[in-house]
Each structure stands twice: as C-alpha cells, then as structure tokens.
Amino acid sequence: MGKLSCRSLCACCMGPPRAASPAGAAVDATAGVTVKVTDRYVEIKNGIFELTLSNPDGIVTGVRYNGVDNLMEILNKEDNRGYWDLVWNPPGQKTGIFDVIKGTEFRIIYQDENQAEVSFTRNWDPSLEGKAVPLNIDKRFIVLRGSSGFYTYGIYEHKEGWPDFGLGETRVAFKLRKDKFHYMALADDRQRIMPMPDDRLPPRGQPLAYPEAVLLVDPINPDLRGEVDDKYQYSCEDQYNNVHGWMSFDPPIGFWQITPSDEFRTGGPLKQNLTSHVGPTMLAMFLSAHYAGDDLSPKFTNGEYWKKVHGPVFMYLNSSWDGSDPTMLWEDAKVQMMIEKENWPYCFALSEDFQKTEQRGCVSGRLLVRDRYIDDQDLYASGAYVGLALPGEAGSWQRECKGYQFWCRADVDGSFYIRNIVTGKYNLYAWVPGFIGDYRLDATLTISSGDDIYLGDLVYEPPRDGPTMWEIGVPDRSAAEFYVPDPNPNYVNRLYINHPADRFRQYGLWERYAELYPNSDLVYTVGQSDYTTDWFYAQVNRKLDDNTYQPTTWQIKFNLDSVSPSSTYKFRVALASSALAELQVFFNDQDKARPHFATGLIGRENAIARHGIHGLYWLFNIDVASAWLVQGVNTIYLKQPRSQSPFQGLMYDYLRLEGPCGC
C-alpha cells in the first residue's frame, strides 16, 4: 500500500507515547503497526498494546497491555466485551429493539508501519425489513504507531426510500475486568472506589424505587455498606463529558474513554449522558433520550436520506510504576484528552465522510444583549453559548438529533469563534446565562470548505415587556440555585456528601419534600423568603401513608402598592425540567374552575428520578390581566396536578413578574 501523507504520523498529532510499564512487560513504542487476520479474529499491534477484534463481527474481544493478557471482562462472552450498539423501533412499535451491531464483512482500509484502519460493515437490504434496523453501518477502528490506545468511529446511512424507523440510542460500550478495575473517575471531584457488579444483586443489594438504584446491604467491600449505587448518579453534561474511565491498582493501569468533540452528539452542550458505572462499564454515548425523552429520539420518515459519522472517540491506556496514587493516571488522562481535542478533527481517519480541517469552515462574530430595563447600553453577552445546528426555530437545537452541532462559549466581550464546522446549512443559535429565552440569527448560514465567515455584531433582545416587579432564581437553565435537601442518611452516596456542586445527585431527594411539608405546601413570600433555602429544587408530589401521591400547589405571595387599570402584566416562567407534568397557574383564585394558564401535559425528561438538576428548557410567557390582580397582597398558585408517580414534577429555572410598559 502507498504511504500516507498526514500529520497523524508525527508526534504532535498522535500525542507522546504514554506507556510506562513495570519490568517484564515488554514495550517498544517505536515498533510499527501490524495486522494479523485469521478466520475468527483481527489482531492489531503497535508494540505498546494489542487489540483483538472478532472477524467479521468487529467486537472488541481483547486488549492486551502492560503485562495483562486481556483488560476486557474475560468472564463475559466475546460479544459482550467491547461493542457498538443501538436501540431502534419500527413505526408503530413503542418498545425499542436492542441491537449489538455485528459486522458481516471485514476489510483493511489502510495498513503500513505507521497506522492501520480496519472496517466492519453491516448492510441492509429489503429482505431484512422489520427484522433489522434499516441502516448501512460501517464500524472503523484505528491504531497508530506510538499511540497508547485505539480509535473507533461509525458511519450510519439510511438510504432514500428505505423504511421508516426511530432511533432511541446508539453508543460504544466497554466492559472491563471486574477483578482488576475498581476505581472510577470522571472529574477531579467525581472519582471513587466502586461496588462490584455482584453487589447489586440480592442478597448483597436491595432494589430501590427503580431497577437502576440499589442499596448496598452486604457488599464485597464492607466500606461501601449502606451506600446507594445508581448509574445515573454519574451522568454528565456533554460539554464536560470529555474523559472518564477506570483504574486498576495491581498492576497500575488506566483505561479511559476520551471524546475530543461534541459535534456528533445530539441535543447541544447541556445534554446529559451516562459515562462510566458499575460493571466496570465505560460508555461513549452518541445519541440517547436520557434527561430529554422522546424529543431526542430521531424519527426517519417518508424514506428520507440520512448519513452521519459518530466519532472518532479514543480509548486511551496508561500505566505507572506506583499504584498508590491513582490521581497520577487521572492527571495523565486529562493531558491526553487535551492533546486529542487540540488535534481535532483528526487527519488520519480515512473515511471520506469524515471531513478534515481543510474541508471545514469557521464562523465568528460578537453577541450583545439589549435589555433597556437593565441598561441603556447594549451589554456584552459574556459567557454566552453560541452554536450552529440544523435550521429550525429559536431554541430548536436542544431537541435536534439528526445533524451535527458546533458550540463555543463567548469571551467576556461577547466575541465568539466557532471552528471546524462540517459543510452544510445551519442556523446560528445562542443563549446567555443571566437572561431568559433563545437567540437565533434569522439568516441560514451555508458553510463551504475553507469558509471563515465574520458576522460582526449580533444583538439578542431577550423577552421583556416591562420592568421587573420581582424575580425568583437565576436564569441559567438549572434548578441548582434552589434548595437541595440533605439525603436520607439511610440512602447516601458518600461521594456527594459535602459536595455542593453535585449534592442534587443523591438518591431519594424527592421524598424529602413531604418531610419538609407534611401537611401543606410551599409558600414563598417575595421580599421575605430566600430562594436558596425556601424554594424546593423540584415541585414533586407528596407521598401519603397509603403509598399514593397527592398533587402539590405552591404559592408566591407578593405585594402591589397599586394596580395599573386596564393593563397587561407579564408573568414569565422558565422551567428547567418537566417529567409527565403540567403547570397550572392561578392568580388570586385557586378554586377557579379553569386555571388562568396551563401548559397541558409536557416533558418526559425524568430528571427527578435520575438525579439531574435540569432536563430540557421550557419558557412560558403569560399575559396577566390587571383585573386578576389586587392592590395589596396577591397570591400566584402554581399547581402540578398529575400525581400517578413520585417522579412526575417540575423543576423551575426562573420566575419573573413584569409590570406594564411604562409602569
């Protein structure tokens, strides 16, 4: 085969070899890459590690590294170790079909001493209608010379005229050896010794309110007794979900999943996904309905054409001489993560569907905020989230799940620069912490190869009709600023004790509401109450003694010195999440036959049960007739009437009452 001309072959692209090994584990970081193909396996070596894939399935059956014959769980069947999978459903079928993606054809895309890329494809044809997801899938694996790990990416294609279907999830999963990998890390302050998978099963584990949550009553490691384990306690927003994984102490080895770009993940930077959890399991999530519901499950209808590249993501291996300090391997993994991000988009991925730097474009500009009730001058949109996603309405990016998205955070002066945008048509979207609503540039942007588009100054005018009479919370699309209670001491995850940023990840917090408000509901008095202590983080149902649930109605009390006659006030309610819930709003009359405003049933985000502090963002702008208000003390009643489950409820982001224009 011919030689590759690519910066991937130099150290700056691959990153420095990181393969310190104890005596007896022969390592040659300068060795070339070799590929050995047999009837059952494909073995790829580079002198640092050896990757074994099943032929033609393309399942990771083995990873040999640092003197350990196999880091994958050898007690599992070979097709349950390292694999791509998806969940799909034919039209009219609600229950998803779980599918471990197994190739039917193997080929070597490229091989020389510097790199190898191999492909495992599975193609669809009409004889498979109703039996297999109507996608052509090409799974790729890459090993580079001198690189301590391997890359994988997948190309999914739905051809024009093929059957309709829905896609609920797709990811890569790795199941490591439970006799070696006991320490998990996903952030500087989110890492710990984890339970064993056997601990989750009776009699060692006691199931709680849903299958994912288990109380450890007799764990193998007695230090973990009395804790709760739940994989959703380790979820992470995609904007921070760059590196996570597991460490072994004997020998000291790290196995890490590094995601260098969010462009192929759905739902934007705030979308939450699973990371690593008991197994030991490690996931690279590309598409999921977690914390969002069916809105984030794409539907392919009317024979539409679709093609998307998921990845590449990097599985990084590291080791050290001294296993007494696991932070050494974690710190090294973070360094490697930054190297991978700096080298994105990779020039060594050989699919023509994965665009390289020179094929992509850039967009820059400056975003300002105009709110004349706050300042006579335009304000810098400092820290704004600015991004490109498929064309749609303002805010549609958080439910967009078919195309690519490209995001950045604006500088202090509102300047933004979005790099490495795949060619195509987009809208530019933004939202600004501290302000409600969503910005969208009216023009559709067409990105061509080599474009560097400067948009100049853009002005976002957030929703505003009049002066602020009062406000509750901070408009940041999260309920984190509100009161998050301490957990029931019988159901704790010790990682999150004395952990202010993540205290909401404890199990069972929804049950604390009934303990705080056993007989009556929350009442918030403007000017006296403090939302950090007096506004519960979620409006949930009250559990009764007979294990049924009672709807709750919260009150906001506020004083008006006068009411402007024949005028319209504005009540703005931003929700951080809704789970099969409804918001009904009454002004000064909770016994009214019909509410003054109702959302109807909204949301399937399940953030309450899954220890999230937000799901999707909802903004409701409610016209308030002056006849509904009175001089003196007023009460707004916020009722959530759906009460079939403890997990139905609302999380508020921010509430504001505006007076009439000129008030």
Foldseek 3Di string as FASTA:
>chain_A
DDDDDFCCLPCLQQPAFFADADPPFFADLQWFWDWDDDQFWIWIDQRAKIWIATPQFRQGQAIGHRNRGGFWAPVDDSLPFKFKWWWKFAPPDPHTDIGTRGADDKDWPDDDRFKTKIWGWDADDPVCVPPDDHWIKIKMKMDGRSHQWIWIKMKIKQFFPDGKMWTAWIWIKGFGHQVFWQWKDQDPLDIDGAFAPVCCDPPQWDADPDSQKTAGCHTPPVVRHLEIFGQLLQKDFQLSRAKIFTFGVVFTKTKMKGALDLFQAAQDRRAIDGAAGHSRMGMGTRFHCALNHPLRIDIDDNRDIAMDMGDTMITGMHGDPHSPDNVVVVVVVVVVNVSNNVSPPPPPPPDPRRDGQQFWAKEKEFEWEDDVLVPVDTHGLAFKKKKKDADDDFQCRSSDHGGTMWIDTAHRRRIDMTGGHHFDKTWMKIDGWQADGIDIDPDIDGIGRPYYHYPYYDYDYGDDFFHFPAKAATQDLFLLQAAQDQDDSSYFDVSCVVPSVQRLSTADSLQVLCVVVVDAHQEAEPPPDHRRYRPYQWQWWHQDPVRFTFWHKYKYKYADQFFDAQFKKKKKWKFQFFAQWKKFKAKQCPPDPGGLDMPPGDHRNLCNRSSHRGRRMDMDIHIDHSVSDDHTMIMMMIIIGDTGDRSGTTGTRMITMGGHHPD
